[in-house]
Amino acid sequence: MTFIGPLLMFLGGLGLFMYGVQTTSDGLQKFAASRMKKILGFMTKHTYLEVFFGIAATVAFQSSTATTVLVVEFVNAGMMNLAQALGMVLSSAVGTSVALQLLAFKILNIALALIFIGVVFQLTSKRWRHLGQALIGFGVIYVGMANMSAASTPLLGFPQVSALLVQLAAYPLLAMLVALVLNVLIQGSAAVLAIMMSMAAHHLLPFAAVVPLVLGAHAGGTILTLLSGLTTQKMDAKRVAIANTAYKIVGILIVFPFLPQFDRLVQWTTTDVQRQVANAYLIFALFMLVVFLPFNGWIAKALVRFLPGKKRGVPSREFAFIDEASLELPAVAIKQSLQEVTGLGERIGENMLDKLPQAFLTGTDEAANHIGRFEIDVDWYYRHITRFLTTVSQKGLADEQTEQIVNTQIIVKEFEYLGDTLMAMVQQIHKIHREGIDLKEKDWESIAPLYKKVAANFARLLEALRAWDEDKAGDVIREHPDILRLQRSIQFSALAGLPAPGPEAVGAKELEKLRYFLVDAVNLFYNVDEHVVNIAQVIMGIA
C-alpha cells in the first residue's frame, strides 16, 4: 500500500479548501464593499451589536485575522472605540465557529450545484459576478473537505499515522502544540479544523484528542496576528493583538484543569465526532465571549494605560495609517491609503505652505531649511504610498475599488508636484538672498493677498478630501478664476514697476531682479493652486 497516493489526495483537498476560503472571502469583500460602512454605522450606534458584526465579518471574510485587521482600521478611523473593537475580536472566534457548523453538514451535492450557479453568475451578470465568485469558493471548500475526508481512511492504515493519533489522545499538551504549530504553518485555524473534521468524518480522530486540538487551534490563530501587531507602528494594532492572544491564553488556562468536564459537555451536544469538533470550537468561543465581554471597558482602559501611544512631533518617514496587514482586505487598504494621502496633504500645509512667509523674509533660516527637508519626506511618502497602492491593485478588485486606487494615485502625485513647486519657491528665495537683495516686509505684502487666497483654497481642499465632499471640492474649483485674476493683477503691477531702459541708475539692477523674483513667486503660487484644483477635480469625478 503506497503512502504517496492518499497523501497527495489529502494535500490536494487541503489546497482546494484553502483556495475556496480565499475565493469566498474575495468575492464577499467585493460584493459587500460599498455596503460595509453603512452596516458598521448602524452597528456601532447600538451597545454590543459589534459582537454580531464581528461574527458576520468573520463568516464573510473566512478569517478572524482579516476581522482583526478590519477592527484596527475602524478604531484608527474613529468609527468605534477600543472596547467595541475588543468585542469584535472576541466574536470573531464565534464567526469561525459558525463557518465550521456549516462545514459539518454533508451537502457535497448542494456544494457542486453552488459552483455551477456561481459560474453562471460570473459569466452572465455584472451585478452578481462577485456573489458568483463567493458561491464558487464556498462550493470548492466542500469539494476540498470531501477529498481530505476520502484520503483520511487510507492514511490511517499506516502505523506512523495511527501512532501519532494515539499520542495526541494520550497527551493533551502535545495535541495543543501540534494544532498550534499547524495553525502557524497553514496560516488559518479554519484549515486546521477542516483537517480534524475530515478525519473525524470517518471516526479516525480519537475523541480524547478533539478538545486539546481545538484549544491549540484557538491559540494558534492569534500567533500571526500577535507578531504582525507587535511589529506595526500602530498602537491600537498592538493593543488589539495582545488582547486577542491574552483572551485565548487565559481562556485555555481556565478550561484546561476542567478538561474531562469540557469533554463530557461536548459529547453531550452530539454523537457525531465531526460535529463535536465544530461544537468544541463554538463552546470555547462562547465561553470566552461570556467571560470577557462584560469587562472589555476595563480591559481597554488597562491597555491604553500600559501601552500609551507616543506623541507625534516633527513628521518622520513612517506611515500613520497604512498597515501592511491590511493587504488581506483591499477595501481597508484602499481606505488607509486615502487617509495617508490626506495626512500627507495636511503635513505639506503645516511644514511647507505655512512656513513660506517666514522663509520669504529671512531666506536661509530654519523655516526655509525645514521646507527643504520636508520636501524630501514628501518624495519618500509618494514613492512608498504608490508602491503600496500598486501591491493592492494586484489583488482581485471590484471596478469601484480599482477606480479608488487610480484616484488616490493621482492625488498623491499632485501632492508630490505641489511639494516640488513649494521647493522651487524656496530655491528662488535662496537665490535672491545670495545675490545680496534683502526682501522687505513691503515686498511680501505685495504678493501676500495671493498667498492667502491660495492657502485658504488649500485648506478648503483638505476639508473636501477628508470627507470626500464633492460640494466642497466644487467650492475649490470655483475659487480658481479669482486666484487667476489676482495673479495677473499682481504680475502686472510687478512688471510695471521695472526701471525704464537707459543708463543704469543706482540700485536699478537689484530692483529689476526683485521684480522678476516677485513675478516668479506669483506664478509659483498660481501653480500651487492648479495642483489644488486638479485634486478637487478628482474628488468630483471630472479628472
Protein backbone atom coordinates (compact mmCIF):
# COMPACT_ATOMS: atom_id res chain seq x y z
CA MET A 1 0.00 0.00 0.00
CA THR A 2 1.62 3.24 -1.11
CA PHE A 3 1.64 6.28 1.14
CA ILE A 4 2.08 8.83 -1.67
CA GLY A 5 -1.36 8.49 -3.31
CA PRO A 6 -3.51 9.16 -0.22
CA LEU A 7 -1.12 11.90 0.93
CA LEU A 8 -1.32 13.74 -2.41
CA MET A 9 -5.11 13.38 -2.38
CA PHE A 10 -5.20 14.79 1.16
CA LEU A 11 -2.90 17.71 0.30
CA GLY A 12 -4.87 18.39 -2.87
CA GLY A 13 -8.05 18.54 -0.81
CA LEU A 14 -6.36 20.90 1.66
CA GLY A 15 -5.25 23.11 -1.24
CA LEU A 16 -8.78 23.21 -2.64
CA PHE A 17 -10.14 24.06 0.81
CA MET A 18 -7.71 26.97 1.28
CA TYR A 19 -8.33 28.22 -2.26
CA GLY A 20 -12.08 28.05 -1.65
CA VAL A 21 -11.73 30.05 1.56
CA GLN A 22 -9.72 32.76 -0.23
CA THR A 23 -12.10 32.86 -3.20
CA THR A 24 -15.16 33.12 -0.95
CA SER A 25 -13.52 35.90 1.05
CA ASP A 26 -12.52 37.87 -2.07
CA GLY A 27 -15.99 37.53 -3.60
CA LEU A 28 -17.85 38.61 -0.48
CA GLN A 29 -15.48 41.54 0.10
CA LYS A 30 -16.13 42.86 -3.40
CA PHE A 31 -19.86 42.20 -3.14
CA ALA A 32 -20.17 43.98 0.23
CA ALA A 33 -17.51 46.71 -0.24
CA SER A 34 -19.98 49.57 -0.74
CA ARG A 35 -22.34 48.31 1.99
CA MET A 36 -19.79 47.79 4.77
CA LYS A 37 -19.66 51.39 6.04
CA LYS A 38 -23.46 51.67 6.30
CA ILE A 39 -23.68 48.39 8.20
CA LEU A 40 -20.91 49.46 10.55
CA GLY A 41 -22.52 52.85 11.18
CA PHE A 42 -25.67 51.10 12.39
CA MET A 43 -23.81 48.51 14.44
CA THR A 44 -21.59 50.93 16.35
CA LYS A 45 -24.55 53.05 17.50
CA HIS A 46 -26.01 50.15 19.50
CA THR A 47 -24.38 48.53 22.51
CA TYR A 48 -23.00 45.01 21.97
CA LEU A 49 -24.03 44.93 18.30
CA GLU A 50 -20.32 44.94 17.47
CA VAL A 51 -20.43 41.30 18.59
CA PHE A 52 -22.83 40.42 15.78
CA PHE A 53 -20.80 42.46 13.32
CA GLY A 54 -17.64 40.57 14.33
CA ILE A 55 -19.41 37.26 13.73
CA ALA A 56 -20.76 38.38 10.35
CA ALA A 57 -17.41 39.83 9.25
CA THR A 58 -15.54 36.61 10.09
CA VAL A 59 -18.08 34.46 8.26
CA ALA A 60 -17.81 36.78 5.25
CA PHE A 61 -14.01 37.08 5.22
CA GLN A 62 -13.43 33.44 6.27
CA SER A 63 -10.65 34.73 8.50
CA SER A 64 -10.54 36.00 12.07
CA THR A 65 -7.19 37.63 11.18
CA ALA A 66 -8.93 39.68 8.49
CA THR A 67 -11.57 40.70 11.03
CA THR A 68 -8.81 41.85 13.40
CA VAL A 69 -7.28 43.99 10.63
CA LEU A 70 -10.71 45.49 9.99
CA VAL A 71 -11.15 46.19 13.71
CA VAL A 72 -7.87 48.12 13.95
CA GLU A 73 -8.84 50.19 10.91
CA PHE A 74 -12.20 51.11 12.46
CA VAL A 75 -10.52 52.20 15.71
CA ASN A 76 -7.94 54.32 13.85
CA ALA A 77 -10.71 55.94 11.82
CA GLY A 78 -12.66 56.80 15.00
CA MET A 79 -15.59 54.65 13.87
CA MET A 80 -15.52 52.58 17.07
CA ASN A 81 -13.72 52.72 20.39
CA LEU A 82 -11.19 50.19 21.67
CA ALA A 83 -13.72 48.41 23.92
CA GLN A 84 -16.03 47.83 20.94
CA ALA A 85 -13.06 46.61 18.92
CA LEU A 86 -12.24 44.04 21.59
CA GLY A 87 -15.86 42.85 21.43
CA MET A 88 -15.44 42.27 17.70
CA VAL A 89 -12.21 40.36 18.29
CA LEU A 90 -13.92 38.08 20.80
CA SER A 91 -16.85 37.45 18.49
CA SER A 92 -14.59 36.68 15.52
CA ALA A 93 -13.94 33.24 17.04
CA VAL A 94 -17.70 32.67 17.13
CA GLY A 95 -17.78 33.65 13.45
CA THR A 96 -15.21 30.95 12.67
CA SER A 97 -17.40 28.51 14.62
CA VAL A 98 -20.44 29.39 12.50
CA ALA A 99 -18.45 28.59 9.36
CA LEU A 100 -17.40 25.27 10.89
CA GLN A 101 -21.00 24.41 11.71
CA LEU A 102 -21.84 24.88 8.03
CA LEU A 103 -18.93 22.63 7.04
CA ALA A 104 -20.21 19.85 9.31
CA PHE A 105 -23.28 19.42 7.08
CA LYS A 106 -22.88 16.69 4.46
CA ILE A 107 -24.07 18.68 1.45
CA LEU A 108 -21.48 17.92 -1.24
CA ASN A 109 -24.13 17.70 -3.97
CA ILE A 110 -25.52 21.10 -2.97
CA ALA A 111 -21.98 22.48 -2.98
CA LEU A 112 -21.46 21.27 -6.55
CA ALA A 113 -24.72 22.98 -7.52
CA LEU A 114 -23.44 26.20 -5.90
CA ILE A 115 -20.31 26.03 -8.07
CA PHE A 116 -22.50 25.78 -11.17
CA ILE A 117 -24.71 28.69 -10.05
CA GLY A 118 -21.63 30.76 -9.23
CA VAL A 119 -20.14 30.16 -12.68
CA VAL A 120 -23.45 31.20 -14.30
CA PHE A 121 -23.48 34.41 -12.21
CA GLN A 122 -19.89 35.21 -13.15
CA LEU A 123 -20.42 34.67 -16.86
CA THR A 124 -23.83 36.30 -17.30
CA SER A 125 -24.28 39.06 -14.71
CA LYS A 126 -22.00 42.02 -13.99
CA ARG A 127 -24.06 42.92 -10.93
CA TRP A 128 -23.89 39.45 -9.35
CA ARG A 129 -20.48 38.26 -10.55
CA HIS A 130 -18.80 38.87 -7.19
CA LEU A 131 -21.51 36.89 -5.40
CA GLY A 132 -20.93 34.21 -8.03
CA GLN A 133 -17.25 34.16 -7.10
CA ALA A 134 -18.19 33.67 -3.44
CA LEU A 135 -20.54 30.78 -4.32
CA ILE A 136 -17.81 29.08 -6.36
CA GLY A 137 -15.41 29.44 -3.43
CA PHE A 138 -17.97 28.04 -0.98
CA GLY A 139 -18.55 25.03 -3.22
CA VAL A 140 -14.81 24.42 -3.64
CA ILE A 141 -14.45 24.41 0.17
CA TYR A 142 -16.79 21.40 0.35
CA VAL A 143 -15.03 19.65 -2.54
CA GLY A 144 -11.72 20.09 -0.70
CA MET A 145 -13.27 18.74 2.50
CA ALA A 146 -14.59 15.70 0.59
CA ASN A 147 -11.11 14.99 -0.83
CA MET A 148 -9.46 15.24 2.59
CA SER A 149 -12.13 13.01 4.09
CA ALA A 150 -11.74 10.38 1.35
CA ALA A 151 -7.95 10.37 1.80
CA SER A 152 -8.12 10.01 5.60
CA THR A 153 -9.15 6.32 5.67
CA PRO A 154 -6.16 5.03 3.65
CA LEU A 155 -3.78 7.22 5.68
CA LEU A 156 -4.93 5.58 8.91
CA GLY A 157 -3.66 2.24 7.58
CA PHE A 158 -0.10 3.44 8.04
CA PRO A 159 1.33 2.72 11.52
CA GLN A 160 3.08 6.10 11.76
CA VAL A 161 -0.24 7.95 11.40
CA SER A 162 -2.03 5.65 13.86
CA ALA A 163 0.78 6.07 16.41
CA LEU A 164 0.64 9.86 16.12
CA LEU A 165 -3.12 9.91 16.72
CA VAL A 166 -2.72 7.68 19.79
CA GLN A 167 -0.05 10.04 21.15
CA LEU A 168 -2.28 13.06 20.60
CA ALA A 169 -5.11 11.38 22.51
CA ALA A 170 -2.79 10.42 25.38
CA TYR A 171 -1.00 13.76 25.75
CA PRO A 172 -3.32 16.83 25.60
CA LEU A 173 -0.45 19.33 25.74
CA LEU A 174 1.18 17.65 22.74
CA ALA A 175 -2.13 17.83 20.86
CA MET A 176 -2.42 21.54 21.64
CA LEU A 177 1.15 22.16 20.47
CA VAL A 178 0.62 20.22 17.21
CA ALA A 179 -2.54 22.22 16.43
CA LEU A 180 -0.78 25.49 17.27
CA VAL A 181 2.20 24.72 15.00
CA LEU A 182 -0.08 23.56 12.17
CA ASN A 183 -2.05 26.77 12.51
CA VAL A 184 1.08 28.88 12.14
CA LEU A 185 2.31 26.86 9.15
CA ILE A 186 -1.02 26.83 7.30
CA GLN A 187 -1.91 30.36 8.49
CA GLY A 188 -5.54 29.59 9.20
CA SER A 189 -7.38 27.90 12.07
CA ALA A 190 -10.23 27.03 9.68
CA ALA A 191 -7.89 24.83 7.62
CA VAL A 192 -6.57 23.04 10.73
CA LEU A 193 -10.11 22.40 11.94
CA ALA A 194 -11.11 21.23 8.45
CA ILE A 195 -8.35 18.60 8.65
CA MET A 196 -9.69 17.48 12.03
CA MET A 197 -13.27 17.33 10.77
CA SER A 198 -12.24 15.36 7.67
CA MET A 199 -10.57 12.74 9.85
CA ALA A 200 -13.46 12.76 12.32
CA ALA A 201 -15.93 12.09 9.50
CA HIS A 202 -14.59 8.50 9.29
CA HIS A 203 -14.10 8.13 13.08
CA LEU A 204 -10.33 8.28 12.60
CA LEU A 205 -9.75 11.01 15.19
CA PRO A 206 -9.92 9.82 18.83
CA PHE A 207 -12.32 11.99 20.80
CA ALA A 208 -9.75 12.41 23.58
CA ALA A 209 -7.66 14.46 21.13
CA VAL A 210 -10.52 16.66 19.89
CA VAL A 211 -10.72 19.28 22.66
CA PRO A 212 -6.93 19.76 23.08
CA LEU A 213 -6.56 20.13 19.31
CA VAL A 214 -9.39 22.67 19.26
CA LEU A 215 -7.80 24.67 22.09
CA GLY A 216 -4.47 24.62 20.25
CA ALA A 217 -6.20 25.86 17.09
CA HIS A 218 -7.73 28.72 19.09
CA ALA A 219 -4.32 29.75 20.44
CA GLY A 220 -2.53 29.26 17.11
CA GLY A 221 -4.97 31.55 15.36
CA THR A 222 -3.59 34.50 17.34
CA ILE A 223 0.14 33.97 16.75
CA LEU A 224 0.47 35.60 13.34
CA THR A 225 -1.81 38.47 14.39
CA LEU A 226 0.34 38.98 17.50
CA LEU A 227 3.61 39.01 15.53
CA SER A 228 2.13 41.42 12.99
CA GLY A 229 0.72 43.64 15.74
CA LEU A 230 4.00 43.85 17.65
CA THR A 231 5.94 44.92 14.56
CA THR A 232 3.48 47.58 13.38
CA GLN A 233 3.73 51.28 14.24
CA LYS A 234 0.03 51.40 15.08
CA MET A 235 -0.51 51.33 18.83
CA ASP A 236 -4.14 50.21 18.51
CA ALA A 237 -2.99 47.24 16.43
CA LYS A 238 -0.57 46.28 19.23
CA ARG A 239 -3.32 46.58 21.85
CA VAL A 240 -5.83 44.52 19.87
CA ALA A 241 -3.26 41.82 19.01
CA ILE A 242 -2.07 41.50 22.62
CA ALA A 243 -5.65 41.39 23.93
CA ASN A 244 -6.61 38.75 21.36
CA THR A 245 -3.74 36.46 22.40
CA ALA A 246 -4.32 37.13 26.11
CA TYR A 247 -8.01 36.21 25.81
CA LYS A 248 -7.12 32.82 24.30
CA ILE A 249 -4.31 32.02 26.74
CA VAL A 250 -6.32 32.97 29.83
CA GLY A 251 -9.33 31.08 28.48
CA ILE A 252 -7.24 27.94 27.92
CA LEU A 253 -5.70 28.21 31.41
CA ILE A 254 -9.21 28.39 32.90
CA VAL A 255 -10.57 25.45 30.90
CA PHE A 256 -7.55 23.11 30.97
CA PRO A 257 -7.95 21.91 34.60
CA PHE A 258 -11.56 21.01 33.75
CA LEU A 259 -10.77 19.16 30.52
CA PRO A 260 -12.74 15.99 31.45
CA GLN A 261 -15.85 18.05 32.21
CA PHE A 262 -15.40 20.01 28.97
CA ASP A 263 -15.10 16.70 27.08
CA ARG A 264 -18.37 15.45 28.56
CA LEU A 265 -20.13 18.72 27.67
CA VAL A 266 -19.01 18.41 24.04
CA GLN A 267 -20.04 14.74 23.89
CA TRP A 268 -23.44 15.65 25.33
CA THR A 269 -24.14 18.01 22.41
CA THR A 270 -23.92 15.30 19.71
CA THR A 271 -22.66 11.79 18.97
CA ASP A 272 -21.24 12.84 15.58
CA VAL A 273 -17.47 13.29 16.09
CA GLN A 274 -17.22 15.65 13.10
CA ARG A 275 -19.88 17.87 14.63
CA GLN A 276 -18.16 17.55 18.02
CA VAL A 277 -15.08 19.28 16.57
CA ALA A 278 -17.22 22.23 15.43
CA ASN A 279 -19.15 22.28 18.71
CA ALA A 280 -15.99 22.23 20.83
CA TYR A 281 -14.67 25.27 18.97
CA LEU A 282 -18.03 27.05 19.32
CA ILE A 283 -18.42 26.30 23.04
CA PHE A 284 -14.94 27.63 23.85
CA ALA A 285 -15.57 30.75 21.72
CA LEU A 286 -18.87 31.41 23.52
CA PHE A 287 -17.17 30.79 26.87
CA MET A 288 -14.58 33.50 26.16
CA LEU A 289 -17.28 35.87 24.93
CA VAL A 290 -19.36 35.47 28.10
CA VAL A 291 -16.36 35.70 30.45
CA PHE A 292 -14.52 38.67 28.91
CA LEU A 293 -17.13 40.82 27.12
CA PRO A 294 -18.55 42.45 30.32
CA PHE A 295 -15.02 43.57 31.27
CA ASN A 296 -13.94 44.92 27.88
CA GLY A 297 -14.28 48.54 29.02
CA TRP A 298 -11.83 47.98 31.88
CA ILE A 299 -9.53 45.89 29.70
CA ALA A 300 -9.44 48.66 27.08
CA LYS A 301 -8.52 51.27 29.72
CA ALA A 302 -5.78 48.99 31.07
CA LEU A 303 -4.34 48.50 27.58
CA VAL A 304 -4.26 52.27 26.97
CA ARG A 305 -2.64 52.83 30.36
CA PHE A 306 0.10 50.21 29.96
CA LEU A 307 0.57 50.75 26.21
CA PRO A 308 0.27 54.53 25.79
CA GLY A 309 0.57 55.92 22.29
CA LYS A 310 3.59 58.06 21.54
CA LYS A 311 3.04 61.70 20.71
CA ARG A 312 3.94 62.56 17.15
CA GLY A 313 6.30 65.50 16.92
CA VAL A 314 8.13 66.53 13.78
CA PRO A 315 6.78 64.31 10.97
CA SER A 316 9.00 61.32 10.34
CA ARG A 317 9.15 58.88 7.49
CA GLU A 318 6.63 56.39 8.76
CA PHE A 319 3.03 55.67 7.90
CA ALA A 320 0.34 56.95 10.23
CA PHE A 321 -2.47 54.89 8.69
CA ILE A 322 -1.17 52.32 6.20
CA ASP A 323 -0.58 48.86 7.63
CA GLU A 324 0.86 46.02 5.51
CA ALA A 325 -1.51 43.60 7.26
CA SER A 326 -4.44 45.36 5.63
CA LEU A 327 -3.42 43.95 2.24
CA GLU A 328 -5.57 40.98 3.23
CA LEU A 329 -8.57 43.32 2.99
CA PRO A 330 -8.29 45.54 -0.12
CA ALA A 331 -11.24 47.73 0.95
CA VAL A 332 -9.40 48.57 4.18
CA ALA A 333 -6.05 49.02 2.40
CA ILE A 334 -7.59 51.50 -0.05
CA LYS A 335 -9.21 53.48 2.78
CA GLN A 336 -5.91 53.57 4.69
CA SER A 337 -4.12 54.82 1.57
CA LEU A 338 -6.54 57.72 1.16
CA GLN A 339 -6.19 58.57 4.87
CA GLU A 340 -2.40 58.52 4.48
CA VAL A 341 -2.55 60.78 1.42
CA THR A 342 -4.89 63.18 3.24
CA GLY A 343 -2.47 63.23 6.18
CA LEU A 344 0.37 63.96 3.76
CA GLY A 345 -1.57 66.95 2.43
CA GLU A 346 -2.10 68.24 5.96
CA ARG A 347 1.62 67.94 6.71
CA ILE A 348 2.52 69.73 3.46
CA GLY A 349 0.31 72.58 4.65
CA GLU A 350 1.89 72.68 8.11
CA ASN A 351 5.53 72.13 7.13
CA MET A 352 5.77 73.89 3.77
CA LEU A 353 2.94 76.25 2.83
CA ASP A 354 2.50 77.76 6.32
CA LYS A 355 6.25 78.42 6.66
CA LEU A 356 6.64 80.30 3.38
CA PRO A 357 6.09 83.84 4.80
CA GLN A 358 8.88 83.37 7.34
CA ALA A 359 11.16 81.79 4.73
CA PHE A 360 10.46 84.70 2.35
CA LEU A 361 11.64 87.33 4.81
CA THR A 362 14.63 85.51 6.31
CA GLY A 363 15.88 83.50 3.34
CA THR A 364 18.22 80.89 4.77
CA ASP A 365 16.88 80.47 8.29
CA GLU A 366 15.33 77.37 9.83
CA ALA A 367 11.96 77.90 8.09
CA ALA A 368 13.45 77.62 4.59
CA ASN A 369 15.63 74.68 5.61
CA HIS A 370 12.64 72.95 7.20
CA ILE A 371 10.69 73.26 3.94
CA GLY A 372 13.62 71.74 2.06
CA ARG A 373 13.93 68.81 4.45
CA PHE A 374 10.22 68.07 4.37
CA GLU A 375 10.17 68.12 0.55
CA ILE A 376 12.49 65.10 0.70
CA ASP A 377 9.99 63.45 3.07
CA VAL A 378 7.18 64.18 0.58
CA ASP A 379 9.12 62.29 -2.09
CA TRP A 380 9.53 59.36 0.32
CA TYR A 381 5.79 59.26 1.06
CA TYR A 382 4.98 59.48 -2.64
CA ARG A 383 7.20 56.52 -3.52
CA HIS A 384 6.03 54.28 -0.68
CA ILE A 385 2.33 55.10 -0.96
CA THR A 386 2.49 54.44 -4.71
CA ARG A 387 4.27 51.14 -4.08
CA PHE A 388 1.59 50.13 -1.55
CA LEU A 389 -1.21 51.04 -3.96
CA THR A 390 0.47 49.03 -6.71
CA THR A 391 0.51 45.99 -4.43
CA VAL A 392 -3.17 46.47 -3.58
CA SER A 393 -4.04 46.81 -7.28
CA GLN A 394 -2.64 43.32 -7.89
CA LYS A 395 -5.36 41.83 -5.71
CA GLY A 396 -8.68 40.84 -7.23
CA LEU A 397 -10.62 44.11 -7.03
CA ALA A 398 -14.09 45.34 -7.83
CA ASP A 399 -14.31 48.05 -10.52
CA GLU A 400 -15.17 50.63 -7.85
CA GLN A 401 -12.04 49.72 -5.87
CA THR A 402 -9.82 49.98 -8.96
CA GLU A 403 -11.19 53.48 -9.58
CA GLN A 404 -10.46 54.44 -5.96
CA ILE A 405 -6.85 53.29 -6.33
CA VAL A 406 -6.38 55.29 -9.54
CA ASN A 407 -7.87 58.39 -7.86
CA THR A 408 -5.61 58.02 -4.83
CA GLN A 409 -2.54 57.61 -7.06
CA ILE A 410 -3.44 60.80 -8.94
CA ILE A 411 -3.91 62.71 -5.68
CA VAL A 412 -0.61 61.62 -4.15
CA LYS A 413 1.18 62.53 -7.40
CA GLU A 414 -0.42 66.00 -7.35
CA PHE A 415 0.73 66.48 -3.74
CA GLU A 416 4.24 65.48 -4.83
CA TYR A 417 4.09 68.07 -7.65
CA LEU A 418 2.79 70.62 -5.15
CA GLY A 419 5.73 69.92 -2.84
CA ASP A 420 8.14 70.37 -5.76
CA THR A 421 6.51 73.73 -6.56
CA LEU A 422 6.90 74.98 -2.99
CA MET A 423 10.51 73.78 -3.00
CA ALA A 424 11.09 75.76 -6.21
CA MET A 425 9.81 78.81 -4.34
CA VAL A 426 12.36 78.23 -1.56
CA GLN A 427 15.15 77.87 -4.14
CA GLN A 428 14.16 81.22 -5.65
CA ILE A 429 14.22 82.77 -2.17
CA HIS A 430 17.70 81.34 -1.51
CA LYS A 431 18.89 82.70 -4.86
CA ILE A 432 17.63 86.24 -4.32
CA HIS A 433 19.19 86.38 -0.85
CA ARG A 434 22.53 85.03 -2.16
CA GLU A 435 22.57 87.89 -4.65
CA GLY A 436 22.51 90.31 -1.74
CA ILE A 437 18.95 91.50 -2.16
CA ASP A 438 17.04 91.68 1.11
CA LEU A 439 13.32 91.03 0.87
CA LYS A 440 11.39 93.61 2.85
CA GLU A 441 8.01 93.39 4.56
CA LYS A 442 6.52 95.60 1.82
CA ASP A 443 7.73 93.11 -0.83
CA TRP A 444 5.89 90.32 0.95
CA GLU A 445 2.79 92.48 1.32
CA SER A 446 2.68 92.96 -2.45
CA ILE A 447 2.13 89.21 -3.01
CA ALA A 448 0.56 88.28 0.35
CA PRO A 449 -3.07 88.60 -0.90
CA LEU A 450 -2.43 85.86 -3.48
CA TYR A 451 -0.65 83.66 -0.93
CA LYS A 452 -3.57 83.99 1.49
CA LYS A 453 -6.10 83.08 -1.19
CA VAL A 454 -4.08 80.04 -2.29
CA ALA A 455 -3.55 78.92 1.33
CA ALA A 456 -7.29 79.29 2.04
CA ASN A 457 -8.14 77.26 -1.06
CA PHE A 458 -5.65 74.59 0.01
CA ALA A 459 -7.34 74.39 3.43
CA ARG A 460 -10.70 74.17 1.66
CA LEU A 461 -9.35 71.25 -0.40
CA LEU A 462 -8.24 69.36 2.71
CA GLU A 463 -11.77 69.66 4.12
CA ALA A 464 -13.18 68.25 0.89
CA LEU A 465 -10.61 65.45 0.87
CA ARG A 466 -11.24 64.36 4.46
CA ALA A 467 -14.96 63.86 3.79
CA TRP A 468 -14.64 63.19 0.01
CA ASP A 469 -17.18 66.01 -0.33
CA GLU A 470 -18.00 66.96 -3.93
CA ASP A 471 -19.72 70.22 -2.90
CA LYS A 472 -16.63 71.46 -1.05
CA ALA A 473 -14.45 70.34 -3.96
CA GLY A 474 -16.68 72.43 -6.21
CA ASP A 475 -16.02 75.45 -3.98
CA VAL A 476 -12.28 74.91 -4.51
CA ILE A 477 -12.69 74.89 -8.29
CA ARG A 478 -14.94 77.97 -8.27
CA GLU A 479 -12.29 79.92 -6.36
CA HIS A 480 -9.67 79.32 -9.05
CA PRO A 481 -10.73 82.10 -11.51
CA ASP A 482 -10.46 84.71 -8.74
CA ILE A 483 -6.96 83.46 -7.95
CA LEU A 484 -6.04 83.68 -11.64
CA ARG A 485 -7.28 87.30 -11.84
CA LEU A 486 -5.35 88.25 -8.70
CA GLN A 487 -2.21 86.57 -10.02
CA ARG A 488 -2.38 88.55 -13.26
CA SER A 489 -3.03 91.79 -11.38
CA ILE A 490 -0.01 91.36 -9.08
CA GLN A 491 2.12 90.22 -12.01
CA PHE A 492 1.18 93.33 -13.99
CA SER A 493 1.99 95.60 -11.03
CA ALA A 494 5.39 93.98 -10.58
CA LEU A 495 6.30 94.28 -14.25
CA ALA A 496 5.02 97.85 -14.39
CA GLY A 497 7.47 98.77 -11.65
CA LEU A 498 10.54 97.74 -13.66
CA PRO A 499 13.00 100.58 -14.40
CA ALA A 500 12.93 102.11 -17.88
CA PRO A 501 15.76 101.22 -20.31
CA GLY A 502 18.68 103.59 -20.22
CA PRO A 503 21.76 104.38 -18.18
CA GLU A 504 21.72 102.08 -15.16
CA ALA A 505 20.70 104.00 -12.06
CA VAL A 506 21.89 103.09 -8.58
CA GLY A 507 20.00 100.01 -7.45
CA ALA A 508 18.17 99.61 -10.76
CA LYS A 509 19.66 96.15 -11.38
CA GLU A 510 18.65 94.96 -7.92
CA LEU A 511 15.17 96.37 -8.43
CA GLU A 512 14.85 94.51 -11.73
CA LYS A 513 15.89 91.23 -10.09
CA LEU A 514 13.42 91.83 -7.26
CA ARG A 515 10.55 92.49 -9.66
CA TYR A 516 11.27 89.37 -11.69
CA PHE A 517 11.51 87.38 -8.47
CA LEU A 518 8.06 88.61 -7.45
CA VAL A 519 6.69 87.65 -10.87
CA ASP A 520 8.15 84.15 -10.45
CA ALA A 521 6.70 83.95 -6.94
CA VAL A 522 3.13 84.73 -8.01
CA ASN A 523 3.46 82.27 -10.90
CA LEU A 524 4.51 79.56 -8.45
CA PHE A 525 1.61 80.40 -6.13
CA TYR A 526 -0.72 80.03 -9.10
CA ASN A 527 0.90 76.67 -9.93
CA VAL A 528 0.19 75.52 -6.38
CA ASP A 529 -3.48 76.32 -6.85
CA GLU A 530 -3.52 74.45 -10.16
CA HIS A 531 -2.47 71.27 -8.32
CA VAL A 532 -5.12 72.01 -5.68
CA VAL A 533 -7.77 72.28 -8.39
CA ASN A 534 -6.56 69.05 -10.05
CA ILE A 535 -7.15 67.18 -6.78
CA ALA A 536 -10.57 68.79 -6.37
CA GLN A 537 -11.48 67.58 -9.86
CA VAL A 538 -10.57 64.02 -8.84
CA ILE A 539 -12.96 64.28 -5.89
CA MET A 540 -15.71 65.49 -8.21
CA GLY A 541 -15.02 62.69 -10.68
CA ILE A 542 -14.09 65.01 -13.55
CA ALA A 543 -10.33 64.44 -13.61
